[in-house]
N, C-alpha and C. Protein backbone atom coordinates (compact mmCIF):
# COMPACT_ATOMS: atom_id res chain seq x y z
N MET A 1 17.19 32.13 -18.36
CA MET A 1 16.85 32.04 -16.98
C MET A 1 15.49 31.34 -16.88
N TYR A 2 15.40 30.36 -15.96
CA TYR A 2 14.16 29.64 -15.72
C TYR A 2 13.53 30.08 -14.40
N CYS A 3 12.24 29.89 -14.28
CA CYS A 3 11.53 30.06 -13.01
C CYS A 3 11.24 28.64 -12.51
N SER A 4 11.78 28.29 -11.37
CA SER A 4 11.64 26.91 -10.89
C SER A 4 10.19 26.52 -10.63
N LEU A 5 9.38 27.43 -10.11
CA LEU A 5 7.97 27.11 -9.86
C LEU A 5 7.20 26.91 -11.16
N CYS A 6 7.41 27.81 -12.12
CA CYS A 6 6.71 27.69 -13.40
C CYS A 6 7.15 26.44 -14.14
N LYS A 7 8.41 26.09 -14.01
CA LYS A 7 8.93 24.88 -14.66
C LYS A 7 8.33 23.64 -14.01
N LYS A 8 8.27 23.64 -12.68
CA LYS A 8 7.73 22.50 -11.94
C LYS A 8 6.27 22.25 -12.29
N HIS A 9 5.48 23.32 -12.41
CA HIS A 9 4.05 23.19 -12.65
C HIS A 9 3.68 23.35 -14.13
N LYS A 10 4.69 23.43 -14.99
CA LYS A 10 4.52 23.48 -16.45
C LYS A 10 3.51 24.55 -16.88
N CYS A 11 3.74 25.75 -16.41
CA CYS A 11 2.85 26.88 -16.71
C CYS A 11 3.13 27.43 -18.10
N SER A 12 2.07 27.86 -18.76
CA SER A 12 2.22 28.55 -20.04
C SER A 12 1.23 29.70 -20.07
N ASN A 13 1.53 30.67 -20.89
CA ASN A 13 0.66 31.83 -21.03
C ASN A 13 -0.63 31.39 -21.71
N THR A 14 -1.77 31.77 -21.15
CA THR A 14 -3.05 31.32 -21.70
C THR A 14 -3.38 31.96 -23.04
N GLN A 15 -2.86 33.16 -23.30
CA GLN A 15 -3.20 33.84 -24.55
C GLN A 15 -2.33 33.39 -25.72
N ASN A 16 -1.03 33.37 -25.52
CA ASN A 16 -0.16 33.05 -26.66
C ASN A 16 0.62 31.74 -26.48
N LYS A 17 0.31 30.99 -25.45
CA LYS A 17 0.93 29.69 -25.18
C LYS A 17 2.45 29.78 -25.01
N SER A 18 2.93 30.94 -24.62
CA SER A 18 4.36 31.14 -24.39
C SER A 18 4.80 30.35 -23.16
N THR A 19 5.95 29.70 -23.26
CA THR A 19 6.46 28.92 -22.14
C THR A 19 7.77 29.51 -21.61
N ALA A 20 7.97 30.81 -21.84
CA ALA A 20 9.17 31.46 -21.32
C ALA A 20 9.19 31.37 -19.81
N PHE A 21 10.35 31.17 -19.25
CA PHE A 21 10.60 30.97 -17.83
C PHE A 21 10.22 29.57 -17.37
N ALA A 22 9.50 28.78 -18.17
CA ALA A 22 9.08 27.45 -17.75
C ALA A 22 9.81 26.38 -18.55
N GLU A 23 9.43 26.18 -19.80
CA GLU A 23 10.07 25.16 -20.64
C GLU A 23 11.23 25.72 -21.44
N THR A 24 11.11 26.98 -21.83
CA THR A 24 12.20 27.64 -22.54
C THR A 24 12.74 28.76 -21.66
N PRO A 25 14.04 28.93 -21.63
CA PRO A 25 14.59 29.98 -20.77
C PRO A 25 14.29 31.37 -21.31
N SER A 26 14.15 32.30 -20.41
CA SER A 26 13.98 33.69 -20.82
C SER A 26 15.35 34.22 -21.22
N VAL A 27 15.41 34.92 -22.32
CA VAL A 27 16.68 35.47 -22.79
C VAL A 27 16.82 36.94 -22.45
N THR A 28 15.77 37.53 -21.90
CA THR A 28 15.80 38.94 -21.51
C THR A 28 16.25 39.03 -20.06
N LEU A 29 17.46 39.50 -19.86
CA LEU A 29 18.01 39.58 -18.51
C LEU A 29 17.88 40.99 -17.97
N LYS A 30 16.66 41.47 -17.94
CA LYS A 30 16.39 42.80 -17.40
C LYS A 30 15.54 42.66 -16.15
N LYS A 31 15.74 43.59 -15.24
CA LYS A 31 14.95 43.57 -14.01
C LYS A 31 13.47 43.73 -14.32
N SER A 32 13.14 44.54 -15.31
CA SER A 32 11.74 44.77 -15.66
C SER A 32 11.08 43.49 -16.19
N ALA A 33 11.83 42.67 -16.94
CA ALA A 33 11.29 41.42 -17.46
C ALA A 33 11.01 40.44 -16.33
N LEU A 34 11.91 40.40 -15.36
CA LEU A 34 11.72 39.53 -14.21
C LEU A 34 10.52 39.99 -13.38
N GLN A 35 10.41 41.29 -13.17
CA GLN A 35 9.28 41.84 -12.42
C GLN A 35 7.96 41.56 -13.14
N GLU A 36 7.99 41.68 -14.45
CA GLU A 36 6.80 41.40 -15.25
C GLU A 36 6.38 39.94 -15.10
N HIS A 37 7.37 39.05 -15.08
CA HIS A 37 7.06 37.63 -14.91
C HIS A 37 6.48 37.37 -13.52
N LEU A 38 7.07 37.98 -12.50
CA LEU A 38 6.59 37.77 -11.13
C LEU A 38 5.15 38.24 -10.96
N ASN A 39 4.73 39.22 -11.73
CA ASN A 39 3.36 39.74 -11.65
C ASN A 39 2.41 39.07 -12.63
N SER A 40 2.91 38.14 -13.44
CA SER A 40 2.07 37.51 -14.46
C SER A 40 1.10 36.50 -13.83
N LYS A 41 0.01 36.25 -14.54
CA LYS A 41 -1.01 35.31 -14.07
C LYS A 41 -0.45 33.90 -13.97
N LYS A 42 0.40 33.52 -14.93
CA LYS A 42 0.92 32.15 -14.91
C LYS A 42 1.83 31.92 -13.72
N HIS A 43 2.63 32.91 -13.33
CA HIS A 43 3.50 32.75 -12.17
C HIS A 43 2.68 32.73 -10.89
N ILE A 44 1.70 33.60 -10.79
CA ILE A 44 0.84 33.63 -9.61
C ILE A 44 0.09 32.31 -9.48
N SER A 45 -0.33 31.75 -10.60
CA SER A 45 -0.99 30.45 -10.60
C SER A 45 -0.05 29.35 -10.10
N ALA A 46 1.21 29.41 -10.52
CA ALA A 46 2.20 28.42 -10.07
C ALA A 46 2.44 28.54 -8.57
N VAL A 47 2.49 29.76 -8.06
CA VAL A 47 2.68 29.98 -6.62
C VAL A 47 1.49 29.43 -5.85
N GLU A 48 0.27 29.71 -6.33
CA GLU A 48 -0.93 29.20 -5.66
C GLU A 48 -0.96 27.68 -5.66
N THR A 49 -0.58 27.06 -6.78
CA THR A 49 -0.56 25.61 -6.86
C THR A 49 0.44 25.03 -5.87
N GLU A 50 1.60 25.65 -5.77
CA GLU A 50 2.62 25.19 -4.83
C GLU A 50 2.12 25.30 -3.39
N LEU A 51 1.47 26.40 -3.06
CA LEU A 51 0.94 26.57 -1.71
C LEU A 51 -0.16 25.55 -1.41
N LEU A 52 -1.00 25.26 -2.39
CA LEU A 52 -2.04 24.25 -2.19
C LEU A 52 -1.44 22.87 -1.97
N ASN A 53 -0.38 22.56 -2.70
CA ASN A 53 0.28 21.27 -2.51
C ASN A 53 0.88 21.16 -1.12
N ARG A 54 1.44 22.24 -0.62
CA ARG A 54 2.02 22.21 0.72
C ARG A 54 0.93 22.06 1.77
N VAL A 55 -0.17 22.76 1.61
CA VAL A 55 -1.28 22.63 2.56
C VAL A 55 -1.84 21.21 2.50
N SER A 56 -1.93 20.66 1.32
CA SER A 56 -2.46 19.31 1.17
C SER A 56 -1.64 18.30 1.94
N TYR A 57 -0.33 18.45 1.93
CA TYR A 57 0.54 17.53 2.66
C TYR A 57 0.23 17.57 4.15
N PHE A 58 0.11 18.77 4.70
CA PHE A 58 -0.18 18.89 6.12
C PHE A 58 -1.58 18.37 6.44
N GLN A 59 -2.51 18.60 5.54
CA GLN A 59 -3.86 18.08 5.75
C GLN A 59 -3.84 16.56 5.77
N LYS A 60 -3.05 15.93 4.90
CA LYS A 60 -2.93 14.48 4.89
C LYS A 60 -2.37 13.98 6.21
N GLU A 61 -1.39 14.68 6.76
CA GLU A 61 -0.80 14.29 8.04
C GLU A 61 -1.84 14.36 9.16
N VAL A 62 -2.63 15.41 9.19
CA VAL A 62 -3.66 15.57 10.22
C VAL A 62 -4.71 14.47 10.08
N THR A 63 -5.13 14.20 8.86
CA THR A 63 -6.13 13.17 8.62
C THR A 63 -5.61 11.80 9.03
N THR A 64 -4.37 11.49 8.69
CA THR A 64 -3.77 10.22 9.06
C THR A 64 -3.70 10.09 10.57
N LYS A 65 -3.30 11.15 11.25
CA LYS A 65 -3.22 11.13 12.71
C LYS A 65 -4.59 10.87 13.31
N ASP A 66 -5.63 11.52 12.79
CA ASP A 66 -6.99 11.32 13.29
C ASP A 66 -7.45 9.88 13.09
N LEU A 67 -7.15 9.30 11.94
CA LEU A 67 -7.54 7.92 11.66
C LEU A 67 -6.84 6.95 12.60
N VAL A 68 -5.57 7.18 12.87
CA VAL A 68 -4.82 6.32 13.78
C VAL A 68 -5.39 6.41 15.19
N GLU A 69 -5.67 7.63 15.65
CA GLU A 69 -6.25 7.81 16.98
C GLU A 69 -7.60 7.10 17.08
N GLU A 70 -8.42 7.21 16.06
CA GLU A 70 -9.73 6.56 16.07
C GLU A 70 -9.58 5.05 16.11
N SER A 71 -8.64 4.52 15.34
CA SER A 71 -8.39 3.09 15.31
C SER A 71 -7.93 2.58 16.67
N VAL A 72 -7.03 3.31 17.30
CA VAL A 72 -6.53 2.91 18.62
C VAL A 72 -7.66 2.94 19.65
N LEU A 73 -8.47 3.99 19.62
CA LEU A 73 -9.59 4.08 20.56
C LEU A 73 -10.59 2.94 20.36
N ASN A 74 -10.87 2.60 19.11
CA ASN A 74 -11.77 1.48 18.83
C ASN A 74 -11.22 0.18 19.39
N LYS A 75 -9.94 -0.07 19.21
CA LYS A 75 -9.32 -1.30 19.72
C LYS A 75 -9.36 -1.35 21.24
N VAL A 76 -9.11 -0.21 21.89
CA VAL A 76 -9.14 -0.16 23.35
C VAL A 76 -10.56 -0.43 23.85
N LEU A 77 -11.55 0.18 23.23
CA LEU A 77 -12.93 -0.03 23.65
C LEU A 77 -13.37 -1.48 23.45
N ILE A 78 -12.98 -2.07 22.35
CA ILE A 78 -13.33 -3.47 22.08
C ILE A 78 -12.71 -4.38 23.13
N ARG A 79 -11.47 -4.15 23.51
CA ARG A 79 -10.81 -4.97 24.54
C ARG A 79 -11.45 -4.74 25.91
N PHE A 80 -11.80 -3.49 26.18
CA PHE A 80 -12.38 -3.15 27.47
C PHE A 80 -13.78 -3.76 27.63
N ILE A 81 -14.59 -3.66 26.56
CA ILE A 81 -15.96 -4.16 26.61
C ILE A 81 -15.97 -5.68 26.47
N GLY A 82 -15.17 -6.19 25.58
CA GLY A 82 -15.19 -7.61 25.24
C GLY A 82 -14.38 -8.40 26.15
């Protein structure tokens, strides 16, 4: 079983460099193993990275919108004054 977030962000355990759930599938199909993975630092790090990427996309959209508005206002003022 793979964890799609850990696989996407290529997470590994910092102590033993284990790549279970990310590059190699987990072979332990127990609820406790899954719960342990969900509470692990590497999974939490993958979730945080994913959330930051999503926020970054929206921030790019807002920034682009602001730049376009500024450009349009500059063009209008130049035509009005000039």
